[in-house]
C-alpha atoms as a PDB file:
ATOM      1  CA  MET A   1     -38.457  17.226 -14.603  1.00  0.00           C
ATOM      2  CA  LYS A   2     -38.150  19.196 -11.351  1.00  0.00           C
ATOM      3  CA  LYS A   3     -40.135  16.502  -9.534  1.00  0.00           C
ATOM      4  CA  ALA A   4     -37.835  13.790 -10.857  1.00  0.00           C
ATOM      5  CA  ILE A   5     -34.771  15.736  -9.730  1.00  0.00           C
ATOM      6  CA  ALA A   6     -36.370  16.177  -6.312  1.00  0.00           C
ATOM      7  CA  GLY A   7     -37.087  12.425  -6.239  1.00  0.00           C
ATOM      8  CA  ALA A   8     -33.493  11.577  -7.142  1.00  0.00           C
ATOM      9  CA  ALA A   9     -32.177  13.997  -4.514  1.00  0.00           C
ATOM     10  CA  LEU A  10     -34.500  12.524  -1.891  1.00  0.00           C
ATOM     11  CA  LEU A  11     -33.406   8.998  -2.804  1.00  0.00           C
ATOM     12  CA  VAL A  12     -29.727   9.923  -2.494  1.00  0.00           C
ATOM     13  CA  LEU A  13     -30.435  11.650   0.818  1.00  0.00           C
ATOM     14  CA  LEU A  14     -32.245   8.570   2.133  1.00  0.00           C
ATOM     15  CA  VAL A  15     -29.744   5.909   1.077  1.00  0.00           C
ATOM     16  CA  ALA A  16     -26.320   7.507   0.701  1.00  0.00           C
ATOM     17  CA  THR A  17     -26.025   9.824   3.678  1.00  0.00           C
ATOM     18  CA  PRO A  18     -25.804   9.525   7.453  1.00  0.00           C
ATOM     19  CA  LEU A  19     -29.584   9.955   7.475  1.00  0.00           C
ATOM     20  CA  ARG A  20     -30.133   6.290   6.542  1.00  0.00           C
ATOM     21  CA  PRO A  21     -28.881   4.811   9.833  1.00  0.00           C
ATOM     22  CA  ALA A  22     -30.994   7.331  11.716  1.00  0.00           C
ATOM     23  CA  LEU A  23     -34.075   6.283   9.726  1.00  0.00           C
ATOM     24  CA  GLU A  24     -33.379   2.637  10.549  1.00  0.00           C
ATOM     25  CA  SER A  25     -32.505   3.186  14.205  1.00  0.00           C
ATOM     26  CA  GLY A  26     -35.958   2.332  15.498  1.00  0.00           C
ATOM     27  CA  MET A  27     -38.726   0.102  14.224  1.00  0.00           C
ATOM     28  CA  ARG A  28     -41.254   2.954  14.199  1.00  0.00           C
ATOM     29  CA  VAL A  29     -39.050   5.382  12.300  1.00  0.00           C
ATOM     30  CA  HIS A  30     -38.002   2.589   9.920  1.00  0.00           C
ATOM     31  CA  MET A  31     -41.570   1.752   8.913  1.00  0.00           C
ATOM     32  CA  LEU A  32     -43.369   5.065   9.463  1.00  0.00           C
ATOM     33  CA  ALA A  33     -40.725   7.497   8.171  1.00  0.00           C
ATOM     34  CA  GLN A  34     -38.247   5.737   5.893  1.00  0.00           C
ATOM     35  CA  PHE A  35     -40.879   3.646   4.081  1.00  0.00           C
ATOM     36  CA  PRO A  36     -43.129   6.623   3.163  1.00  0.00           C
ATOM     37  CA  LEU A  37     -40.130   8.782   2.221  1.00  0.00           C
ATOM     38  CA  LEU A  38     -38.835   6.103  -0.151  1.00  0.00           C
ATOM     39  CA  MET A  39     -42.338   5.791  -1.611  1.00  0.00           C
ATOM     40  CA  LEU A  40     -42.420   9.566  -2.097  1.00  0.00           C
ATOM     41  CA  ALA A  41     -39.071   9.372  -3.916  1.00  0.00           C
ATOM     42  CA  GLY A  42     -40.547   6.694  -6.190  1.00  0.00           C
ATOM     43  CA  ALA A  43     -43.612   8.820  -6.918  1.00  0.00           C
ATOM     44  CA  LEU A  44     -41.412  11.797  -7.791  1.00  0.00           C
ATOM     45  CA  LEU A  45     -39.073   9.706  -9.947  1.00  0.00           C
ATOM     46  CA  ASP A  46     -42.098   8.307 -11.793  1.00  0.00           C
ATOM     47  CA  THR A  47     -42.626  11.735 -13.359  1.00  0.00           C
ATOM     48  CA  ALA A  48     -39.441  11.256 -15.426  1.00  0.00           C
ATOM     49  CA  LEU A  49     -40.678   8.171 -17.265  1.00  0.00           C
ATOM     50  CA  PRO A  50     -40.870   8.609 -21.032  1.00  0.00           C
ATOM     51  CA  PRO A  51     -44.443   9.005 -22.357  1.00  0.00           C
ATOM     52  CA  ALA A  52     -44.188   5.794 -24.394  1.00  0.00           C
ATOM     53  CA  LEU A  53     -43.343   3.820 -21.251  1.00  0.00           C
ATOM     54  CA  VAL A  54     -46.153   5.523 -19.322  1.00  0.00           C
ATOM     55  CA  ARG A  55     -48.624   4.426 -22.031  1.00  0.00           C
ATOM     56  CA  LEU A  56     -47.264   0.866 -21.959  1.00  0.00           C
ATOM     57  CA  LEU A  57     -47.535   0.716 -18.180  1.00  0.00           C
ATOM     58  CA  ALA A  58     -51.069   2.137 -18.299  1.00  0.00           C
ATOM     59  CA  ARG A  59     -52.121  -0.779 -20.540  1.00  0.00           C
ATOM     60  CA  TRP A  60     -50.451  -3.241 -18.156  1.00  0.00           C
ATOM     61  CA  ASN A  61     -52.138  -1.529 -15.208  1.00  0.00           C
ATOM     62  CA  ALA A  62     -55.728  -1.465 -16.500  1.00  0.00           C
ATOM     63  CA  MET A  63     -58.091  -0.217 -13.778  1.00  0.00           C
ATOM     64  CA  GLY A  64     -55.081   0.043 -11.467  1.00  0.00           C
ATOM     65  CA  LEU A  65     -55.223  -3.667 -10.714  1.00  0.00           C
ATOM     66  CA  SER A  66     -51.622  -4.658 -11.448  1.00  0.00           C
ATOM     67  CA  GLY A  67     -50.114  -1.741  -9.568  1.00  0.00           C
ATOM     68  CA  LEU A  68     -52.363  -2.180  -6.537  1.00  0.00           C
ATOM     69  CA  VAL A  69     -51.836  -5.953  -6.377  1.00  0.00           C
ATOM     70  CA  ALA A  70     -48.060  -5.460  -6.586  1.00  0.00           C
ATOM     71  CA  THR A  71     -48.274  -2.751  -3.920  1.00  0.00           C
ATOM     72  CA  ALA A  72     -50.206  -5.035  -1.564  1.00  0.00           C
ATOM     73  CA  ALA A  73     -47.780  -7.907  -2.151  1.00  0.00           C
ATOM     74  CA  PHE A  74     -44.695  -5.757  -1.595  1.00  0.00           C
ATOM     75  CA  MET A  75     -46.131  -4.151   1.542  1.00  0.00           C
ATOM     76  CA  ALA A  76     -47.050  -7.584   2.917  1.00  0.00           C
ATOM     77  CA  VAL A  77     -43.460  -8.766   2.461  1.00  0.00           C
ATOM     78  CA  LEU A  78     -42.018  -5.604   3.996  1.00  0.00           C
ATOM     79  CA  MET A  79     -44.145  -5.956   7.156  1.00  0.00           C
ATOM     80  CA  ILE A  80     -42.579  -9.324   7.989  1.00  0.00           C
ATOM     81  CA  PRO A  81     -40.328  -8.827  11.021  1.00  0.00           C
ATOM     82  CA  ARG A  82     -37.537 -11.004   9.613  1.00  0.00           C
ATOM     83  CA  VAL A  83     -37.393  -8.838   6.482  1.00  0.00           C
ATOM     84  CA  LEU A  84     -36.958  -5.720   8.628  1.00  0.00           C
ATOM     85  CA  ASP A  85     -34.114  -7.419  10.483  1.00  0.00           C
ATOM     86  CA  LEU A  86     -32.436  -8.643   7.302  1.00  0.00           C
ATOM     87  CA  ALA A  87     -32.701  -5.223   5.656  1.00  0.00           C
ATOM     88  CA  LEU A  88     -30.364  -3.945   8.360  1.00  0.00           C
ATOM     89  CA  THR A  89     -27.711  -6.622   7.869  1.00  0.00           C
ATOM     90  CA  ASP A  90     -27.958  -7.862   4.269  1.00  0.00           C
ATOM     91  CA  GLU A  91     -27.315  -5.342   1.506  1.00  0.00           C
ATOM     92  CA  ARG A  92     -29.300  -7.423  -0.999  1.00  0.00           C
ATOM     93  CA  ILE A  93     -32.397  -7.342   1.195  1.00  0.00           C
ATOM     94  CA  GLU A  94     -31.908  -3.600   1.812  1.00  0.00           C
ATOM     95  CA  ALA A  95     -31.610  -3.008  -1.946  1.00  0.00           C
ATOM     96  CA  GLY A  96     -34.738  -5.098  -2.528  1.00  0.00           C
ATOM     97  CA  LYS A  97     -36.610  -3.151   0.144  1.00  0.00           C
ATOM     98  CA  ILE A  98     -35.607   0.146  -1.445  1.00  0.00           C
ATOM     99  CA  ALA A  99     -36.554  -1.071  -4.942  1.00  0.00           C
ATOM    100  CA  MET A 100     -39.939  -2.327  -3.724  1.00  0.00           C
ATOM    101  CA  LEU A 101     -40.745   0.930  -1.960  1.00  0.00           C
ATOM    102  CA  LEU A 102     -39.697   2.986  -4.985  1.00  0.00           C
ATOM    103  CA  PHE A 103     -41.933   0.795  -7.152  1.00  0.00           C
ATOM    104  CA  VAL A 104     -44.839   1.161  -4.717  1.00  0.00           C
ATOM    105  CA  GLY A 105     -44.436   4.927  -4.738  1.00  0.00           C
ATOM    106  CA  ALA A 106     -44.349   5.019  -8.531  1.00  0.00           C
ATOM    107  CA  ALA A 107     -47.252   2.608  -8.956  1.00  0.00           C
ATOM    108  CA  VAL A 108     -49.762   3.554  -6.293  1.00  0.00           C
ATOM    109  CA  CYS A 109     -50.767   7.035  -7.531  1.00  0.00           C
ATOM    110  CA  PRO A 110     -51.529   6.140 -11.165  1.00  0.00           C
ATOM    111  CA  SER A 111     -53.079   2.861 -10.026  1.00  0.00           C
ATOM    112  CA  TRP A 112     -55.306   4.610  -7.498  1.00  0.00           C
ATOM    113  CA  ARG A 113     -56.475   7.130 -10.104  1.00  0.00           C
ATOM    114  CA  ALA A 114     -57.255   4.340 -12.580  1.00  0.00           C
ATOM    115  CA  ALA A 115     -59.127   2.266 -10.012  1.00  0.00           C
ATOM    116  CA  GLY A 116     -62.758   2.962  -9.260  1.00  0.00           C
ATOM    117  CA  LEU A 117     -64.297   2.820  -5.806  1.00  0.00           C
ATOM    118  CA  VAL A 118     -64.890  -0.938  -6.020  1.00  0.00           C
ATOM    119  CA  VAL A 119     -61.261  -1.725  -6.883  1.00  0.00           C
ATOM    120  CA  GLN A 120     -60.021   0.761  -4.275  1.00  0.00           C
ATOM    121  CA  GLY A 121     -62.285  -0.860  -1.661  1.00  0.00           C
ATOM    122  CA  PHE A 122     -61.047  -4.317  -2.627  1.00  0.00           C
ATOM    123  CA  PHE A 123     -57.424  -3.160  -2.332  1.00  0.00           C
ATOM    124  CA  LEU A 124     -57.960  -1.451   1.025  1.00  0.00           C
ATOM    125  CA  GLY A 125     -60.055  -4.408   2.197  1.00  0.00           C
ATOM    126  CA  GLY A 126     -56.935  -6.553   1.879  1.00  0.00           C
ATOM    127  CA  LEU A 127     -54.209  -4.117   2.873  1.00  0.00           C
ATOM    128  CA  LEU A 128     -55.768  -2.448   5.909  1.00  0.00           C
ATOM    129  CA  PRO A 129     -56.744  -5.657   7.751  1.00  0.00           C
ATOM    130  CA  MET A 130     -53.216  -6.918   7.058  1.00  0.00           C
ATOM    131  CA  MET A 131     -51.876  -3.756   8.728  1.00  0.00           C
ATOM    132  CA  VAL A 132     -54.190  -4.337  11.697  1.00  0.00           C
ATOM    133  CA  VAL A 133     -53.071  -7.965  12.041  1.00  0.00           C
ATOM    134  CA  ALA A 134     -49.391  -6.982  11.820  1.00  0.00           C
ATOM    135  CA  GLY A 135     -50.024  -4.142  14.265  1.00  0.00           C
ATOM    136  CA  SER A 136     -51.787  -6.472  16.690  1.00  0.00           C
ATOM    137  CA  LEU A 137     -48.945  -8.978  16.510  1.00  0.00           C
ATOM    138  CA  TYR A 138     -46.362  -6.248  17.076  1.00  0.00           C
ATOM    139  CA  ARG A 139     -48.360  -4.681  19.924  1.00  0.00           C
ATOM    140  CA  ASP A 140     -49.461  -7.825  21.745  1.00  0.00           C
ATOM    141  CA  SER A 141     -46.401 -10.042  21.420  1.00  0.00           C
ATOM    142  CA  PRO A 142     -44.516 -10.448  24.683  1.00  0.00           C
ATOM    143  CA  LEU A 143     -41.416 -11.211  22.601  1.00  0.00           C
ATOM    144  CA  ARG A 144     -39.389  -9.027  20.289  1.00  0.00           C
ATOM    145  CA  LEU A 145     -40.301 -10.001  16.753  1.00  0.00           C
ATOM    146  CA  CYS A 146     -37.453  -7.969  15.256  1.00  0.00           C
ATOM    147  CA  ASN A 147     -34.136  -8.705  16.900  1.00  0.00           C
ATOM    148  CA  ALA A 148     -32.779  -5.300  15.907  1.00  0.00           C
ATOM    149  CA  TYR A 149     -35.434  -3.286  17.729  1.00  0.00           C
ATOM    150  CA  ARG A 150     -36.631  -2.860  21.311  1.00  0.00           C
ATOM    151  CA  LEU A 151     -39.885  -4.433  22.475  1.00  0.00           C
ATOM    152  CA  ASP A 152     -41.424  -1.106  23.507  1.00  0.00           C
ATOM    153  CA  ASP A 153     -40.689   0.364  20.065  1.00  0.00           C
ATOM    154  CA  GLN A 154     -42.305  -2.682  18.454  1.00  0.00           C
ATOM    155  CA  GLN A 155     -45.384  -2.348  20.656  1.00  0.00           C
ATOM    156  CA  ARG A 156     -45.790   1.379  19.924  1.00  0.00           C
ATOM    157  CA  LEU A 157     -45.424   0.671  16.202  1.00  0.00           C
ATOM    158  CA  GLY A 158     -48.141  -1.975  16.496  1.00  0.00           C
ATOM    159  CA  SER A 159     -50.574   0.494  18.050  1.00  0.00           C
ATOM    160  CA  GLU A 160     -49.698   3.122  15.449  1.00  0.00           C
ATOM    161  CA  LEU A 161     -50.233   0.694  12.547  1.00  0.00           C
ATOM    162  CA  ILE A 162     -53.705  -0.078  13.896  1.00  0.00           C
ATOM    163  CA  TRP A 163     -54.547   3.635  14.181  1.00  0.00           C
ATOM    164  CA  ILE A 164     -53.161   4.372  10.719  1.00  0.00           C
ATOM    165  CA  ALA A 165     -55.243   1.566   9.196  1.00  0.00           C
ATOM    166  CA  ALA A 166     -58.393   2.796  10.977  1.00  0.00           C
ATOM    167  CA  THR A 167     -57.753   6.387   9.882  1.00  0.00           C
ATOM    168  CA  MET A 168     -57.123   5.376   6.269  1.00  0.00           C
ATOM    169  CA  ALA A 169     -60.334   3.322   6.247  1.00  0.00           C
ATOM    170  CA  ALA A 170     -62.389   6.183   7.698  1.00  0.00           C
ATOM    171  CA  LEU A 171     -60.953   8.729   5.253  1.00  0.00           C
ATOM    172  CA  TRP A 172     -61.578   6.459   2.286  1.00  0.00           C
ATOM    173  CA  LEU A 173     -65.154   5.731   3.413  1.00  0.00           C
ATOM    174  CA  VAL A 174     -65.896   9.459   3.745  1.00  0.00           C
ATOM    175  CA  ARG A 175     -64.429  10.058   0.274  1.00  0.00           C
ATOM    176  CA  ALA A 176     -66.410   7.129  -1.155  1.00  0.00           C
ATOM    177  CA  VAL A 177     -69.668   8.528   0.253  1.00  0.00           C
ATOM    178  CA  VAL A 178     -68.911  11.975  -1.179  1.00  0.00           C
ATOM    179  CA  VAL A 179     -68.050  10.516  -4.598  1.00  0.00           C
ATOM    180  CA  ALA A 180     -71.140   8.280  -4.583  1.00  0.00           C
ATOM    181  CA  ARG A 181     -73.406  11.228  -3.732  1.00  0.00           C
ATOM    182  CA  ASN A 182     -71.952  13.327  -6.538  1.00  0.00           C
ATOM    183  CA  GLU A 183     -72.356  10.669  -9.226  1.00  0.00           C
ATOM    184  CA  PRO A 184     -75.421  10.986 -11.450  1.00  0.00           C
END
């Protein structure tokens, strides 16, 4: 229950305080701070779900497939530059963004635990190259892709997305090797 209260407090802090405009003031802070913080709030709020609902969701999310597919789809939508722009000016898009990130936060941990190395590799094999492509577009475009953000911020975000994807891939590969060596 304490985690759920912390998740609710974090959500309120992120969306209903002067912190929200600060977290949307730059493209990098929008995607690399606000997004993960909203996902963390979703993961914390997930702990308050009734056990019956958790069991129902576990059946729906066999081997983590449903949760990971939804996560990949939502993250793909949220990386589209036009969506980032609209989230700043259209309350419906902002609400959708927040709902998607809360869902991703709630879904990714139980989905990841339920997925084996093959499913995890399949998920990362789709998500990480997508991050690299988005990062390359952001970094290499001579034009601002998001009207709300500066070109230099966009380009730095692009480089950082590429590095984050490479780091996540390397960490997962190391973990996969360790797990594979420890299996009978």
